[in-house]
Amino acid sequence: MVMGRFNTFTGAFQYDPENITAFSTDVTVDVASVDSNQAERDKHLRSKDFFHVDEYPEARFVSTGYEDKGNGQGIMTGDLTLRGVTKSITLEISQMESGKDPWGNY
């Protein structure tokens, strides 16, 4: 298995602990920023064989629903667009630690 990441992305999410089922997100990824820590593999991933970044420079996920499973767990559904094709996918979500920052924000 090869691990990697995308270094450039933008997005936003809405989260209200009083109305957790309204949790939503919208994320756009610059697929040319793929980074598997191996330059030749990354070049191949950017090619027509995989991401085809010249034709499809972005991938996007827009949530369409969220189901709270309790204990900080949930299921998020949404539309993933990759290489110009959009498909519905399901993601398992786990809440990480949260709390107030030094400026009093939560």
N, C-alpha and C. Protein backbone atom coordinates (compact mmCIF):
# COMPACT_ATOMS: atom_id res chain seq x y z
N MET A 1 0.84 -1.17 0.00
CA MET A 1 0.00 0.00 0.00
C MET A 1 0.89 1.24 0.00
N VAL A 2 0.49 2.22 -0.80
CA VAL A 2 1.21 3.48 -0.89
C VAL A 2 0.38 4.55 -0.20
N MET A 3 1.01 5.27 0.70
CA MET A 3 0.35 6.38 1.39
C MET A 3 0.74 7.68 0.69
N GLY A 4 -0.16 8.62 0.69
CA GLY A 4 0.12 9.92 0.09
C GLY A 4 -0.87 10.94 0.58
N ARG A 5 -0.77 12.12 0.02
CA ARG A 5 -1.67 13.21 0.41
C ARG A 5 -1.75 14.21 -0.72
N PHE A 6 -2.69 15.13 -0.58
CA PHE A 6 -2.78 16.29 -1.47
C PHE A 6 -2.37 17.49 -0.64
N ASN A 7 -1.43 18.27 -1.16
CA ASN A 7 -0.90 19.39 -0.39
C ASN A 7 -1.71 20.68 -0.53
N THR A 8 -2.54 20.78 -1.58
CA THR A 8 -3.28 22.02 -1.81
C THR A 8 -4.77 21.71 -1.93
N PHE A 9 -5.53 22.35 -1.07
CA PHE A 9 -6.98 22.16 -1.07
C PHE A 9 -7.64 23.34 -0.37
N THR A 10 -8.92 23.53 -0.63
CA THR A 10 -9.71 24.55 0.04
C THR A 10 -11.03 23.91 0.43
N GLY A 11 -11.67 24.52 1.38
CA GLY A 11 -12.96 23.97 1.76
C GLY A 11 -13.55 24.68 2.96
N ALA A 12 -14.75 24.25 3.28
CA ALA A 12 -15.46 24.81 4.43
C ALA A 12 -16.36 23.73 4.99
N PHE A 13 -16.68 23.88 6.25
CA PHE A 13 -17.66 22.98 6.84
C PHE A 13 -18.52 23.75 7.81
N GLN A 14 -19.72 23.23 8.01
CA GLN A 14 -20.67 23.79 8.96
C GLN A 14 -20.92 22.73 10.02
N TYR A 15 -20.76 23.10 11.27
CA TYR A 15 -20.99 22.17 12.37
C TYR A 15 -21.65 22.90 13.52
N ASP A 16 -22.77 22.39 13.94
CA ASP A 16 -23.50 22.95 15.07
C ASP A 16 -23.78 21.80 16.04
N PRO A 17 -23.14 21.79 17.21
CA PRO A 17 -23.35 20.69 18.15
C PRO A 17 -24.80 20.56 18.62
N GLU A 18 -25.59 21.62 18.46
CA GLU A 18 -27.00 21.58 18.83
C GLU A 18 -27.87 20.97 17.72
N ASN A 19 -27.33 20.90 16.50
CA ASN A 19 -28.05 20.35 15.36
C ASN A 19 -27.06 19.56 14.51
N ILE A 20 -26.54 18.47 15.06
CA ILE A 20 -25.45 17.73 14.44
C ILE A 20 -25.80 17.16 13.07
N THR A 21 -27.08 16.87 12.82
CA THR A 21 -27.44 16.31 11.52
C THR A 21 -27.33 17.33 10.40
N ALA A 22 -27.16 18.61 10.74
CA ALA A 22 -26.96 19.66 9.73
C ALA A 22 -25.48 19.79 9.34
N PHE A 23 -24.61 18.94 9.89
CA PHE A 23 -23.18 18.96 9.57
C PHE A 23 -23.00 18.84 8.07
N SER A 24 -22.20 19.73 7.48
CA SER A 24 -21.96 19.69 6.03
C SER A 24 -20.55 20.14 5.71
N THR A 25 -20.09 19.76 4.53
CA THR A 25 -18.76 20.16 4.08
C THR A 25 -18.72 20.27 2.57
N ASP A 26 -17.78 21.07 2.09
CA ASP A 26 -17.55 21.27 0.66
C ASP A 26 -16.04 21.47 0.51
N VAL A 27 -15.36 20.52 -0.14
CA VAL A 27 -13.90 20.54 -0.25
C VAL A 27 -13.49 20.40 -1.71
N THR A 28 -12.57 21.26 -2.14
CA THR A 28 -11.99 21.18 -3.48
C THR A 28 -10.50 20.92 -3.34
N VAL A 29 -10.01 19.92 -4.09
CA VAL A 29 -8.61 19.50 -4.02
C VAL A 29 -7.92 19.79 -5.35
N ASP A 30 -6.74 20.38 -5.28
CA ASP A 30 -5.88 20.54 -6.45
C ASP A 30 -5.16 19.20 -6.64
N VAL A 31 -5.63 18.39 -7.59
CA VAL A 31 -5.08 17.03 -7.71
C VAL A 31 -3.63 17.02 -8.19
N ALA A 32 -3.16 18.11 -8.78
CA ALA A 32 -1.75 18.19 -9.16
C ALA A 32 -0.84 18.25 -7.94
N SER A 33 -1.42 18.52 -6.77
CA SER A 33 -0.62 18.61 -5.55
C SER A 33 -0.43 17.24 -4.89
N VAL A 34 -0.78 16.17 -5.61
CA VAL A 34 -0.60 14.83 -5.05
C VAL A 34 0.85 14.64 -4.64
N ASP A 35 1.06 14.02 -3.48
CA ASP A 35 2.40 13.86 -2.92
C ASP A 35 2.49 12.49 -2.25
N SER A 36 3.16 11.56 -2.93
CA SER A 36 3.37 10.23 -2.37
C SER A 36 4.82 10.05 -1.92
N ASN A 37 5.56 11.15 -1.90
CA ASN A 37 6.96 11.15 -1.48
C ASN A 37 7.86 10.41 -2.46
N GLN A 38 7.43 10.36 -3.73
CA GLN A 38 8.25 9.73 -4.77
C GLN A 38 7.90 10.45 -6.08
N ALA A 39 8.82 11.27 -6.58
CA ALA A 39 8.56 12.18 -7.70
C ALA A 39 8.07 11.47 -8.96
N GLU A 40 8.68 10.37 -9.32
CA GLU A 40 8.27 9.66 -10.54
C GLU A 40 6.87 9.08 -10.41
N ARG A 41 6.55 8.54 -9.25
CA ARG A 41 5.20 8.01 -9.03
C ARG A 41 4.18 9.15 -9.10
N ASP A 42 4.50 10.30 -8.47
CA ASP A 42 3.59 11.44 -8.50
C ASP A 42 3.38 11.93 -9.93
N LYS A 43 4.43 11.93 -10.74
CA LYS A 43 4.30 12.31 -12.15
C LYS A 43 3.34 11.37 -12.86
N HIS A 44 3.46 10.07 -12.59
CA HIS A 44 2.56 9.09 -13.19
C HIS A 44 1.13 9.29 -12.71
N LEU A 45 0.94 9.59 -11.42
CA LEU A 45 -0.39 9.82 -10.88
C LEU A 45 -1.05 11.05 -11.53
N ARG A 46 -0.26 12.04 -11.93
CA ARG A 46 -0.80 13.24 -12.57
C ARG A 46 -1.15 13.01 -14.04
N SER A 47 -0.68 11.91 -14.60
CA SER A 47 -0.85 11.63 -16.03
C SER A 47 -2.27 11.19 -16.37
N LYS A 48 -2.52 10.96 -17.67
CA LYS A 48 -3.82 10.48 -18.15
C LYS A 48 -4.19 9.12 -17.56
N ASP A 49 -3.19 8.35 -17.11
CA ASP A 49 -3.46 7.03 -16.55
C ASP A 49 -4.25 7.10 -15.24
N PHE A 50 -4.12 8.22 -14.52
CA PHE A 50 -4.78 8.34 -13.22
C PHE A 50 -5.61 9.63 -13.15
N PHE A 51 -5.07 10.69 -12.59
CA PHE A 51 -5.84 11.91 -12.35
C PHE A 51 -6.05 12.79 -13.58
N HIS A 52 -5.14 12.69 -14.56
CA HIS A 52 -5.23 13.50 -15.79
C HIS A 52 -5.41 14.98 -15.44
N VAL A 53 -4.45 15.51 -14.71
CA VAL A 53 -4.56 16.86 -14.15
C VAL A 53 -4.63 17.95 -15.21
N ASP A 54 -4.10 17.70 -16.41
CA ASP A 54 -4.18 18.72 -17.46
C ASP A 54 -5.64 18.97 -17.87
N GLU A 55 -6.43 17.93 -17.88
CA GLU A 55 -7.84 18.02 -18.26
C GLU A 55 -8.76 18.25 -17.06
N TYR A 56 -8.41 17.65 -15.92
CA TYR A 56 -9.25 17.70 -14.72
C TYR A 56 -8.41 18.11 -13.51
N PRO A 57 -8.16 19.40 -13.35
CA PRO A 57 -7.23 19.87 -12.30
C PRO A 57 -7.76 19.78 -10.88
N GLU A 58 -9.08 19.59 -10.72
CA GLU A 58 -9.65 19.59 -9.37
C GLU A 58 -10.52 18.36 -9.13
N ALA A 59 -10.56 17.98 -7.88
CA ALA A 59 -11.54 17.01 -7.39
C ALA A 59 -12.36 17.75 -6.35
N ARG A 60 -13.63 17.35 -6.20
CA ARG A 60 -14.48 18.07 -5.25
C ARG A 60 -15.41 17.09 -4.54
N PHE A 61 -15.57 17.32 -3.24
CA PHE A 61 -16.54 16.57 -2.44
C PHE A 61 -17.51 17.55 -1.82
N VAL A 62 -18.81 17.33 -2.05
CA VAL A 62 -19.86 18.14 -1.46
C VAL A 62 -20.79 17.20 -0.71
N SER A 63 -20.91 17.40 0.58
CA SER A 63 -21.76 16.51 1.37
C SER A 63 -23.23 16.72 1.03
N THR A 64 -23.99 15.64 1.16
CA THR A 64 -25.43 15.69 0.92
C THR A 64 -26.22 15.25 2.14
N GLY A 65 -25.55 14.69 3.15
CA GLY A 65 -26.26 14.26 4.34
C GLY A 65 -25.30 13.77 5.41
N TYR A 66 -25.80 13.74 6.63
CA TYR A 66 -25.00 13.25 7.74
C TYR A 66 -25.90 12.49 8.70
N GLU A 67 -25.46 11.31 9.13
CA GLU A 67 -26.19 10.50 10.11
C GLU A 67 -25.32 10.34 11.35
N ASP A 68 -25.81 10.85 12.47
CA ASP A 68 -25.09 10.74 13.74
C ASP A 68 -25.23 9.33 14.29
N LYS A 69 -24.09 8.67 14.56
CA LYS A 69 -24.09 7.33 15.14
C LYS A 69 -23.81 7.35 16.64
N GLY A 70 -23.62 8.55 17.22
CA GLY A 70 -23.33 8.68 18.64
C GLY A 70 -21.86 8.51 18.95
N ASN A 71 -21.46 8.92 20.13
CA ASN A 71 -20.08 8.79 20.59
C ASN A 71 -19.05 9.37 19.62
N GLY A 72 -19.40 10.48 18.97
CA GLY A 72 -18.47 11.14 18.05
C GLY A 72 -18.31 10.43 16.72
N GLN A 73 -19.18 9.50 16.41
CA GLN A 73 -19.11 8.74 15.16
C GLN A 73 -20.28 9.13 14.26
N GLY A 74 -20.08 9.05 12.95
CA GLY A 74 -21.16 9.35 12.03
C GLY A 74 -20.87 8.87 10.63
N ILE A 75 -21.88 8.97 9.79
CA ILE A 75 -21.77 8.60 8.38
C ILE A 75 -22.12 9.83 7.55
N MET A 76 -21.19 10.26 6.71
CA MET A 76 -21.43 11.39 5.82
C MET A 76 -21.56 10.87 4.39
N THR A 77 -22.62 11.28 3.72
CA THR A 77 -22.77 10.97 2.31
C THR A 77 -22.53 12.23 1.52
N GLY A 78 -22.11 12.05 0.28
CA GLY A 78 -21.86 13.22 -0.54
C GLY A 78 -21.49 12.84 -1.95
N ASP A 79 -21.33 13.86 -2.77
CA ASP A 79 -20.98 13.69 -4.16
C ASP A 79 -19.50 14.00 -4.36
N LEU A 80 -18.76 13.01 -4.88
CA LEU A 80 -17.35 13.17 -5.20
C LEU A 80 -17.22 13.29 -6.71
N THR A 81 -16.59 14.38 -7.15
CA THR A 81 -16.33 14.57 -8.58
C THR A 81 -14.84 14.42 -8.81
N LEU A 82 -14.49 13.49 -9.68
CA LEU A 82 -13.10 13.18 -10.02
C LEU A 82 -13.05 12.86 -11.50
N ARG A 83 -12.15 13.51 -12.22
CA ARG A 83 -12.03 13.33 -13.67
C ARG A 83 -13.35 13.59 -14.39
N GLY A 84 -14.10 14.57 -13.90
CA GLY A 84 -15.33 14.97 -14.55
C GLY A 84 -16.52 14.06 -14.30
N VAL A 85 -16.36 13.06 -13.46
CA VAL A 85 -17.44 12.12 -13.15
C VAL A 85 -17.81 12.30 -11.68
N THR A 86 -19.11 12.42 -11.42
CA THR A 86 -19.61 12.59 -10.06
C THR A 86 -20.33 11.32 -9.63
N LYS A 87 -19.95 10.84 -8.44
CA LYS A 87 -20.60 9.67 -7.86
C LYS A 87 -20.86 9.93 -6.39
N SER A 88 -21.92 9.32 -5.89
CA SER A 88 -22.24 9.42 -4.47
C SER A 88 -21.35 8.45 -3.70
N ILE A 89 -20.77 8.93 -2.60
CA ILE A 89 -19.94 8.08 -1.75
C ILE A 89 -20.36 8.25 -0.30
N THR A 90 -19.92 7.33 0.54
CA THR A 90 -20.20 7.36 1.97
C THR A 90 -18.88 7.34 2.73
N LEU A 91 -18.75 8.21 3.72
CA LEU A 91 -17.54 8.30 4.53
C LEU A 91 -17.88 8.07 5.99
N GLU A 92 -17.05 7.30 6.68
CA GLU A 92 -17.18 7.16 8.13
C GLU A 92 -16.45 8.33 8.77
N ILE A 93 -17.10 9.02 9.69
CA ILE A 93 -16.57 10.21 10.33
C ILE A 93 -16.33 9.93 11.82
N SER A 94 -15.18 10.36 12.31
CA SER A 94 -14.86 10.27 13.74
C SER A 94 -14.49 11.65 14.25
N GLN A 95 -15.13 12.09 15.32
CA GLN A 95 -14.81 13.38 15.90
C GLN A 95 -13.49 13.29 16.62
N MET A 96 -12.64 14.28 16.39
CA MET A 96 -11.37 14.37 17.08
C MET A 96 -11.55 15.30 18.27
N GLU A 97 -10.53 15.50 19.03
CA GLU A 97 -10.60 16.37 20.19
C GLU A 97 -11.01 17.79 19.80
N SER A 98 -11.70 18.45 20.71
CA SER A 98 -12.08 19.83 20.49
C SER A 98 -12.05 20.56 21.83
N GLY A 99 -12.00 21.86 21.76
CA GLY A 99 -11.98 22.67 22.97
C GLY A 99 -11.65 24.11 22.63
N LYS A 100 -11.54 24.93 23.64
CA LYS A 100 -11.26 26.34 23.42
C LYS A 100 -9.78 26.55 23.11
N ASP A 101 -9.54 27.47 22.15
CA ASP A 101 -8.16 27.83 21.83
C ASP A 101 -7.72 28.99 22.73
N PRO A 102 -6.46 29.42 22.64
CA PRO A 102 -5.97 30.48 23.52
C PRO A 102 -6.70 31.80 23.39
N TRP A 103 -7.48 31.99 22.30
CA TRP A 103 -8.19 33.24 22.08
C TRP A 103 -9.65 33.14 22.47
N GLY A 104 -10.05 32.02 23.08
CA GLY A 104 -11.41 31.86 23.56
C GLY A 104 -12.39 31.30 22.55
N ASN A 105 -11.89 30.96 21.36
CA ASN A 105 -12.76 30.35 20.35
C ASN A 105 -12.88 28.86 20.62
N TYR A 106 -13.97 28.26 20.18
CA TYR A 106 -14.15 26.82 20.38
C TYR A 106 -13.76 26.10 19.13
